[in-house]
Amino acid sequence: MSTPVTFGEGALSRAAALVHTLVTVEALLLVAASPGLAALLLVGPDLSNLPLAAVCLLPLGPALSAALYALHHRDRDLTDLHPARAYWRGWRLNAVPALKLWAPLLAWLTVIAFTLTHFSATGLPGWWAVLLAVIGPASLLWGAHALVLTSLFAFRGRDTARLAGYFLFRHGRATLGAASLLVLTAAGTALLTEALPALLAAPLLLSLLHSSRPVIAETQEDFTE
C-alpha cells in the first residue's frame, strides 16, 4: 500500500518550489549587484575602460556567493519556502570573505585581458599571449571552485584559495563541469545578448553546485570538523 503524498511533497510541488527559489534568488542577485551593473552600463565599450569595468563588477562577487548559499540551503517543501531569508543571510555571512577572493581575481583577470588586448604594445614574445590565454580560463575555473567553497564554508581566505587550487586538479569532472558552464555562458553571450549571464545566473549557479558536489562532499568530510 503506497504512502499518501501530502501537499507540498509531490513532484509538482517540488518543481514549483524550485522555480520559486530560482526566480527569487535571481531577482535578489540582480538587486545586490545592481549598483555595479548600473555603473557598467555607463562605461563605454573602449578597451581602455577595462579597469573601470572590473571595479563595476566588484559587487557581483558577494551577490553570486549569497546566491550559491541560498540555492545550497534551499527548501524542497512548497509550504516552507524562505529563499529571500536564505539569500540575505548568505550575503551577510559571505560578503566580506567573497570580496577578499573576488577582488584579487578580478584584478588578475583585468591585467590578463588588458595585456592581451594591447599585446602589440607590450613588446613581449608571442608565446606570452598563448600562455596568458591559458592562464585566464584556468583562473576563472579556480575562481569557480573558490566561490563555491567560500559560499558554503567558513575557511580563511588563504585556505580557501589553496583548496580551490587543489580541487582544480583533484576533481577533474567538477572542473570540467565548471568549464562547460563558462563555455556555454560565453557562447550565449556572444550569440544572443550580453545580458544573458545576468538573466540566467541562478540556473547557472545551481548547475555549478550540482557539478561541485564531489568538491563539497570531500570538503565536508576531510576539511571540516
C-alpha atoms as a PDB file:
ATOM      1  CA  MET A   1       0.000   0.000   0.000  1.00  0.00           C
ATOM      2  CA  SER A   2       1.524   3.299  -1.084  1.00  0.00           C
ATOM      3  CA  THR A   3       2.037   6.107   1.391  1.00  0.00           C
ATOM      4  CA  PRO A   4      -0.191   9.117   0.644  1.00  0.00           C
ATOM      5  CA  VAL A   5       1.623  12.220  -0.549  1.00  0.00           C
ATOM      6  CA  THR A   6       0.682  15.340   1.379  1.00  0.00           C
ATOM      7  CA  PHE A   7       0.544  18.813  -0.112  1.00  0.00           C
ATOM      8  CA  GLY A   8       3.988  20.246  -0.734  1.00  0.00           C
ATOM      9  CA  GLU A   9       5.757  16.885  -1.064  1.00  0.00           C
ATOM     10  CA  GLY A  10       4.820  15.793  -4.600  1.00  0.00           C
ATOM     11  CA  ALA A  11       6.882  16.145  -7.746  1.00  0.00           C
ATOM     12  CA  LEU A  12       4.848  19.112  -8.989  1.00  0.00           C
ATOM     13  CA  SER A  13       5.202  20.876  -5.652  1.00  0.00           C
ATOM     14  CA  ARG A  14       8.961  20.309  -5.649  1.00  0.00           C
ATOM     15  CA  ALA A  15       9.188  21.682  -9.173  1.00  0.00           C
ATOM     16  CA  ALA A  16       7.163  24.736  -8.169  1.00  0.00           C
ATOM     17  CA  ALA A  17       9.393  25.220  -5.122  1.00  0.00           C
ATOM     18  CA  LEU A  18      12.489  25.076  -7.323  1.00  0.00           C
ATOM     19  CA  VAL A  19      11.087  27.604  -9.803  1.00  0.00           C
ATOM     20  CA  HIS A  20      10.051  29.937  -6.977  1.00  0.00           C
ATOM     21  CA  THR A  21      13.507  29.686  -5.412  1.00  0.00           C
ATOM     22  CA  LEU A  22      15.313  30.301  -8.710  1.00  0.00           C
ATOM     23  CA  VAL A  23      13.188  33.337  -9.571  1.00  0.00           C
ATOM     24  CA  THR A  24      13.590  34.822  -6.092  1.00  0.00           C
ATOM     25  CA  VAL A  25      17.342  34.242  -5.955  1.00  0.00           C
ATOM     26  CA  GLU A  26      17.749  35.641  -9.470  1.00  0.00           C
ATOM     27  CA  ALA A  27      15.867  38.808  -8.545  1.00  0.00           C
ATOM     28  CA  LEU A  28      17.817  39.304  -5.316  1.00  0.00           C
ATOM     29  CA  LEU A  29      21.134  38.680  -7.071  1.00  0.00           C
ATOM     30  CA  LEU A  30      20.327  41.413  -9.573  1.00  0.00           C
ATOM     31  CA  VAL A  31      19.318  43.757  -6.746  1.00  0.00           C
ATOM     32  CA  ALA A  32      22.528  43.095  -4.803  1.00  0.00           C
ATOM     33  CA  ALA A  33      24.702  43.559  -7.904  1.00  0.00           C
ATOM     34  CA  SER A  34      22.667  46.447  -9.348  1.00  0.00           C
ATOM     35  CA  PRO A  35      24.996  49.312  -8.252  1.00  0.00           C
ATOM     36  CA  GLY A  36      27.867  47.826 -10.221  1.00  0.00           C
ATOM     37  CA  LEU A  37      25.751  46.634 -13.131  1.00  0.00           C
ATOM     38  CA  ALA A  38      24.146  50.061 -13.482  1.00  0.00           C
ATOM     39  CA  ALA A  39      27.568  51.712 -13.471  1.00  0.00           C
ATOM     40  CA  LEU A  40      28.778  49.176 -16.017  1.00  0.00           C
ATOM     41  CA  LEU A  41      26.160  50.422 -18.462  1.00  0.00           C
ATOM     42  CA  LEU A  42      27.739  53.867 -18.276  1.00  0.00           C
ATOM     43  CA  VAL A  43      31.233  52.572 -19.018  1.00  0.00           C
ATOM     44  CA  GLY A  44      31.986  52.785 -22.702  1.00  0.00           C
ATOM     45  CA  PRO A  45      32.995  49.741 -24.759  1.00  0.00           C
ATOM     46  CA  ASP A  46      36.508  51.093 -25.241  1.00  0.00           C
ATOM     47  CA  LEU A  47      39.175  48.580 -24.186  1.00  0.00           C
ATOM     48  CA  SER A  48      40.912  51.219 -22.091  1.00  0.00           C
ATOM     49  CA  ASN A  49      37.909  51.078 -19.747  1.00  0.00           C
ATOM     50  CA  LEU A  50      38.640  47.507 -18.659  1.00  0.00           C
ATOM     51  CA  PRO A  51      39.850  48.592 -15.179  1.00  0.00           C
ATOM     52  CA  LEU A  52      36.661  50.613 -14.668  1.00  0.00           C
ATOM     53  CA  ALA A  53      34.571  47.643 -15.755  1.00  0.00           C
ATOM     54  CA  ALA A  54      36.370  45.482 -13.187  1.00  0.00           C
ATOM     55  CA  VAL A  55      35.535  47.978 -10.439  1.00  0.00           C
ATOM     56  CA  CYS A  56      31.891  47.912 -11.514  1.00  0.00           C
ATOM     57  CA  LEU A  57      31.870  44.125 -11.185  1.00  0.00           C
ATOM     58  CA  LEU A  58      33.050  44.141  -7.553  1.00  0.00           C
ATOM     59  CA  PRO A  59      29.510  43.889  -6.057  1.00  0.00           C
ATOM     60  CA  LEU A  60      28.845  40.858  -8.226  1.00  0.00           C
ATOM     61  CA  GLY A  61      31.143  38.605  -6.171  1.00  0.00           C
ATOM     62  CA  PRO A  62      29.208  38.845  -2.884  1.00  0.00           C
ATOM     63  CA  ALA A  63      25.940  38.672  -4.840  1.00  0.00           C
ATOM     64  CA  LEU A  64      26.982  35.400  -6.501  1.00  0.00           C
ATOM     65  CA  SER A  65      28.205  33.994  -3.200  1.00  0.00           C
ATOM     66  CA  ALA A  66      24.894  34.757  -1.492  1.00  0.00           C
ATOM     67  CA  ALA A  67      23.036  33.118  -4.371  1.00  0.00           C
ATOM     68  CA  LEU A  68      25.111  29.930  -4.047  1.00  0.00           C
ATOM     69  CA  TYR A  69      24.425  29.880  -0.314  1.00  0.00           C
ATOM     70  CA  ALA A  70      20.677  30.303  -0.820  1.00  0.00           C
ATOM     71  CA  LEU A  71      20.497  27.642  -3.535  1.00  0.00           C
ATOM     72  CA  HIS A  72      22.507  25.179  -1.459  1.00  0.00           C
ATOM     73  CA  HIS A  73      20.230  25.690   1.553  1.00  0.00           C
ATOM     74  CA  ARG A  74      17.008  25.825  -0.418  1.00  0.00           C
ATOM     75  CA  ASP A  75      13.852  24.154   0.855  1.00  0.00           C
ATOM     76  CA  ARG A  76      12.190  21.439  -1.218  1.00  0.00           C
ATOM     77  CA  ASP A  77       8.835  21.827   0.527  1.00  0.00           C
ATOM     78  CA  LEU A  78       6.466  24.257  -1.194  1.00  0.00           C
ATOM     79  CA  THR A  79       4.818  25.032   2.150  1.00  0.00           C
ATOM     80  CA  ASP A  80       8.083  26.159   3.787  1.00  0.00           C
ATOM     81  CA  LEU A  81       9.980  28.392   1.383  1.00  0.00           C
ATOM     82  CA  HIS A  82      12.249  31.207   2.554  1.00  0.00           C
ATOM     83  CA  PRO A  83      14.704  31.853  -0.321  1.00  0.00           C
ATOM     84  CA  ALA A  84      14.903  35.585   0.367  1.00  0.00           C
ATOM     85  CA  ARG A  85      15.807  34.972   4.009  1.00  0.00           C
ATOM     86  CA  ALA A  86      18.469  32.457   2.985  1.00  0.00           C
ATOM     87  CA  TYR A  87      19.862  34.832   0.347  1.00  0.00           C
ATOM     88  CA  TRP A  88      20.338  37.770   2.698  1.00  0.00           C
ATOM     89  CA  ARG A  89      21.763  35.501   5.388  1.00  0.00           C
ATOM     90  CA  GLY A  90      24.282  34.250   2.834  1.00  0.00           C
ATOM     91  CA  TRP A  91      25.117  37.820   1.835  1.00  0.00           C
ATOM     92  CA  ARG A  92      25.731  38.863   5.451  1.00  0.00           C
ATOM     93  CA  LEU A  93      27.906  35.830   6.142  1.00  0.00           C
ATOM     94  CA  ASN A  94      29.901  35.771   2.912  1.00  0.00           C
ATOM     95  CA  ALA A  95      30.094  39.309   1.527  1.00  0.00           C
ATOM     96  CA  VAL A  96      33.480  40.132   3.045  1.00  0.00           C
ATOM     97  CA  PRO A  97      35.119  36.685   2.556  1.00  0.00           C
ATOM     98  CA  ALA A  98      33.863  36.522  -1.032  1.00  0.00           C
ATOM     99  CA  LEU A  99      35.115  40.030  -1.797  1.00  0.00           C
ATOM    100  CA  LYS A 100      38.578  39.154  -0.451  1.00  0.00           C
ATOM    101  CA  LEU A 101      38.856  36.492  -3.166  1.00  0.00           C
ATOM    102  CA  TRP A 102      36.752  38.161  -5.856  1.00  0.00           C
ATOM    103  CA  ALA A 103      38.661  41.462  -5.905  1.00  0.00           C
ATOM    104  CA  PRO A 104      42.139  39.921  -6.495  1.00  0.00           C
ATOM    105  CA  LEU A 105      40.665  37.580  -9.119  1.00  0.00           C
ATOM    106  CA  LEU A 106      39.078  40.495 -10.966  1.00  0.00           C
ATOM    107  CA  ALA A 107      42.330  42.451 -10.793  1.00  0.00           C
ATOM    108  CA  TRP A 108      44.311  39.500 -12.145  1.00  0.00           C
ATOM    109  CA  LEU A 109      41.860  38.863 -14.974  1.00  0.00           C
ATOM    110  CA  THR A 110      41.868  42.558 -15.831  1.00  0.00           C
ATOM    111  CA  VAL A 111      45.663  42.521 -16.136  1.00  0.00           C
ATOM    112  CA  ILE A 112      45.475  39.485 -18.424  1.00  0.00           C
ATOM    113  CA  ALA A 113      42.696  40.949 -20.565  1.00  0.00           C
ATOM    114  CA  PHE A 114      44.405  44.351 -20.826  1.00  0.00           C
ATOM    115  CA  THR A 115      47.710  42.733 -21.769  1.00  0.00           C
ATOM    116  CA  LEU A 116      46.129  40.549 -24.455  1.00  0.00           C
ATOM    117  CA  THR A 117      44.103  43.394 -25.963  1.00  0.00           C
ATOM    118  CA  HIS A 118      47.201  45.641 -26.087  1.00  0.00           C
ATOM    119  CA  PHE A 119      49.701  42.888 -26.746  1.00  0.00           C
ATOM    120  CA  SER A 120      51.414  44.572 -29.687  1.00  0.00           C
ATOM    121  CA  ALA A 121      52.420  47.442 -27.400  1.00  0.00           C
ATOM    122  CA  THR A 122      53.956  45.209 -24.718  1.00  0.00           C
ATOM    123  CA  GLY A 123      56.931  44.021 -26.741  1.00  0.00           C
ATOM    124  CA  LEU A 124      56.555  40.518 -25.292  1.00  0.00           C
ATOM    125  CA  PRO A 125      57.248  37.409 -27.399  1.00  0.00           C
ATOM    126  CA  GLY A 126      54.248  35.722 -28.995  1.00  0.00           C
ATOM    127  CA  TRP A 127      54.296  32.700 -26.695  1.00  0.00           C
ATOM    128  CA  TRP A 128      53.352  35.017 -23.830  1.00  0.00           C
ATOM    129  CA  ALA A 129      49.991  35.593 -25.483  1.00  0.00           C
ATOM    130  CA  VAL A 130      49.384  31.839 -25.646  1.00  0.00           C
ATOM    131  CA  LEU A 131      50.405  31.457 -22.017  1.00  0.00           C
ATOM    132  CA  LEU A 132      48.099  34.240 -20.864  1.00  0.00           C
ATOM    133  CA  ALA A 133      45.250  32.822 -22.952  1.00  0.00           C
ATOM    134  CA  VAL A 134      45.620  29.579 -20.967  1.00  0.00           C
ATOM    135  CA  ILE A 135      46.103  31.214 -17.566  1.00  0.00           C
ATOM    136  CA  GLY A 136      42.973  33.350 -17.938  1.00  0.00           C
ATOM    137  CA  PRO A 137      40.442  30.480 -18.234  1.00  0.00           C
ATOM    138  CA  ALA A 138      42.350  28.469 -15.607  1.00  0.00           C
ATOM    139  CA  SER A 139      41.988  31.426 -13.234  1.00  0.00           C
ATOM    140  CA  LEU A 140      38.249  31.528 -13.909  1.00  0.00           C
ATOM    141  CA  LEU A 141      37.949  27.817 -13.081  1.00  0.00           C
ATOM    142  CA  TRP A 142      39.933  28.331  -9.891  1.00  0.00           C
ATOM    143  CA  GLY A 143      37.554  31.204  -9.105  1.00  0.00           C
ATOM    144  CA  ALA A 144      34.522  28.948  -9.606  1.00  0.00           C
ATOM    145  CA  HIS A 145      35.837  26.469  -7.023  1.00  0.00           C
ATOM    146  CA  ALA A 146      36.828  29.285  -4.669  1.00  0.00           C
ATOM    147  CA  LEU A 147      33.387  30.877  -4.953  1.00  0.00           C
ATOM    148  CA  VAL A 148      31.648  27.617  -4.043  1.00  0.00           C
ATOM    149  CA  LEU A 149      33.980  26.992  -1.101  1.00  0.00           C
ATOM    150  CA  THR A 150      33.773  30.489   0.348  1.00  0.00           C
ATOM    151  CA  SER A 151      29.977  30.475  -0.022  1.00  0.00           C
ATOM    152  CA  LEU A 152      29.428  27.230   1.876  1.00  0.00           C
ATOM    153  CA  PHE A 153      32.335  27.026   4.324  1.00  0.00           C
ATOM    154  CA  ALA A 154      33.936  29.391   6.831  1.00  0.00           C
ATOM    155  CA  PHE A 155      37.607  28.996   5.926  1.00  0.00           C
ATOM    156  CA  ARG A 156      40.278  31.659   5.976  1.00  0.00           C
ATOM    157  CA  GLY A 157      40.804  33.286   2.592  1.00  0.00           C
ATOM    158  CA  ARG A 158      44.220  31.729   2.024  1.00  0.00           C
ATOM    159  CA  ASP A 159      42.912  28.285   2.948  1.00  0.00           C
ATOM    160  CA  THR A 160      40.021  28.678   0.524  1.00  0.00           C
ATOM    161  CA  ALA A 161      42.481  29.735  -2.192  1.00  0.00           C
ATOM    162  CA  ARG A 162      44.657  26.673  -1.568  1.00  0.00           C
ATOM    163  CA  LEU A 163      41.701  24.291  -1.538  1.00  0.00           C
ATOM    164  CA  ALA A 164      40.372  25.773  -4.770  1.00  0.00           C
ATOM    165  CA  GLY A 165      43.737  25.153  -6.415  1.00  0.00           C
ATOM    166  CA  TYR A 166      43.856  21.626  -5.005  1.00  0.00           C
ATOM    167  CA  PHE A 167      40.377  20.751  -6.270  1.00  0.00           C
ATOM    168  CA  LEU A 168      41.144  22.223  -9.673  1.00  0.00           C
ATOM    169  CA  PHE A 169      43.099  19.035 -10.427  1.00  0.00           C
ATOM    170  CA  ARG A 170      41.751  16.701  -7.754  1.00  0.00           C
ATOM    171  CA  HIS A 171      38.205  16.616  -9.159  1.00  0.00           C
ATOM    172  CA  GLY A 172      38.547  16.848 -12.908  1.00  0.00           C
ATOM    173  CA  ARG A 173      34.846  16.277 -13.529  1.00  0.00           C
ATOM    174  CA  ALA A 174      33.882  19.176 -11.288  1.00  0.00           C
ATOM    175  CA  THR A 175      36.396  21.395 -13.058  1.00  0.00           C
ATOM    176  CA  LEU A 176      35.152  20.180 -16.430  1.00  0.00           C
ATOM    177  CA  GLY A 177      31.584  20.950 -15.341  1.00  0.00           C
ATOM    178  CA  ALA A 178      32.572  24.493 -14.409  1.00  0.00           C
ATOM    179  CA  ALA A 179      34.414  24.829 -17.732  1.00  0.00           C
ATOM    180  CA  SER A 180      31.354  23.722 -19.689  1.00  0.00           C
ATOM    181  CA  LEU A 181      29.253  26.340 -17.899  1.00  0.00           C
ATOM    182  CA  LEU A 182      31.816  29.029 -18.749  1.00  0.00           C
ATOM    183  CA  VAL A 183      31.842  27.978 -22.409  1.00  0.00           C
ATOM    184  CA  LEU A 184      28.043  27.881 -22.515  1.00  0.00           C
ATOM    185  CA  THR A 185      27.817  31.326 -20.932  1.00  0.00           C
ATOM    186  CA  ALA A 186      30.432  32.803 -23.266  1.00  0.00           C
ATOM    187  CA  ALA A 187      28.757  31.308 -26.342  1.00  0.00           C
ATOM    188  CA  GLY A 188      25.318  32.514 -25.286  1.00  0.00           C
ATOM    189  CA  THR A 189      26.661  35.983 -24.614  1.00  0.00           C
ATOM    190  CA  ALA A 190      28.375  36.164 -27.988  1.00  0.00           C
ATOM    191  CA  LEU A 191      25.459  34.770 -29.982  1.00  0.00           C
ATOM    192  CA  LEU A 192      22.472  36.240 -28.137  1.00  0.00           C
ATOM    193  CA  THR A 193      22.912  39.091 -25.676  1.00  0.00           C
ATOM    194  CA  GLU A 194      25.418  40.400 -23.149  1.00  0.00           C
ATOM    195  CA  ALA A 195      22.646  40.331 -20.542  1.00  0.00           C
ATOM    196  CA  LEU A 196      22.307  36.533 -20.750  1.00  0.00           C
ATOM    197  CA  PRO A 197      24.688  35.707 -17.843  1.00  0.00           C
ATOM    198  CA  ALA A 198      22.772  38.061 -15.547  1.00  0.00           C
ATOM    199  CA  LEU A 199      19.359  36.788 -16.632  1.00  0.00           C
ATOM    200  CA  LEU A 200      20.304  33.120 -16.207  1.00  0.00           C
ATOM    201  CA  ALA A 201      22.610  33.489 -13.214  1.00  0.00           C
ATOM    202  CA  ALA A 202      20.501  31.426 -10.796  1.00  0.00           C
ATOM    203  CA  PRO A 203      20.143  28.332 -13.059  1.00  0.00           C
ATOM    204  CA  LEU A 204      23.833  28.520 -13.951  1.00  0.00           C
ATOM    205  CA  LEU A 205      24.817  28.683 -10.282  1.00  0.00           C
ATOM    206  CA  LEU A 206      22.534  25.756  -9.476  1.00  0.00           C
ATOM    207  CA  SER A 207      24.307  23.790 -12.219  1.00  0.00           C
ATOM    208  CA  LEU A 208      27.666  24.808 -10.717  1.00  0.00           C
ATOM    209  CA  LEU A 209      26.541  23.498  -7.329  1.00  0.00           C
ATOM    210  CA  HIS A 210      25.461  20.240  -8.945  1.00  0.00           C
ATOM    211  CA  SER A 211      28.806  19.723 -10.687  1.00  0.00           C
ATOM    212  CA  SER A 212      30.650  20.702  -7.482  1.00  0.00           C
ATOM    213  CA  ARG A 213      29.040  18.006  -5.319  1.00  0.00           C
ATOM    214  CA  PRO A 214      32.277  15.932  -5.114  1.00  0.00           C
ATOM    215  CA  VAL A 215      34.188  19.048  -4.032  1.00  0.00           C
ATOM    216  CA  ILE A 216      31.576  19.907  -1.402  1.00  0.00           C
ATOM    217  CA  ALA A 217      31.413  16.329  -0.113  1.00  0.00           C
ATOM    218  CA  GLU A 218      35.199  15.957   0.245  1.00  0.00           C
ATOM    219  CA  THR A 219      35.479  19.354   1.915  1.00  0.00           C
ATOM    220  CA  GLN A 220      32.820  18.389   4.465  1.00  0.00           C
ATOM    221  CA  GLU A 221      34.426  15.009   5.117  1.00  0.00           C
ATOM    222  CA  ASP A 222      38.121  15.856   5.181  1.00  0.00           C
ATOM    223  CA  PHE A 223      38.484  19.570   5.905  1.00  0.00           C
ATOM    224  CA  THR A 224      35.765  20.353   8.456  1.00  0.00           C
ATOM    225  CA  GLU A 225      35.206  19.095  11.973  1.00  0.00           C
END
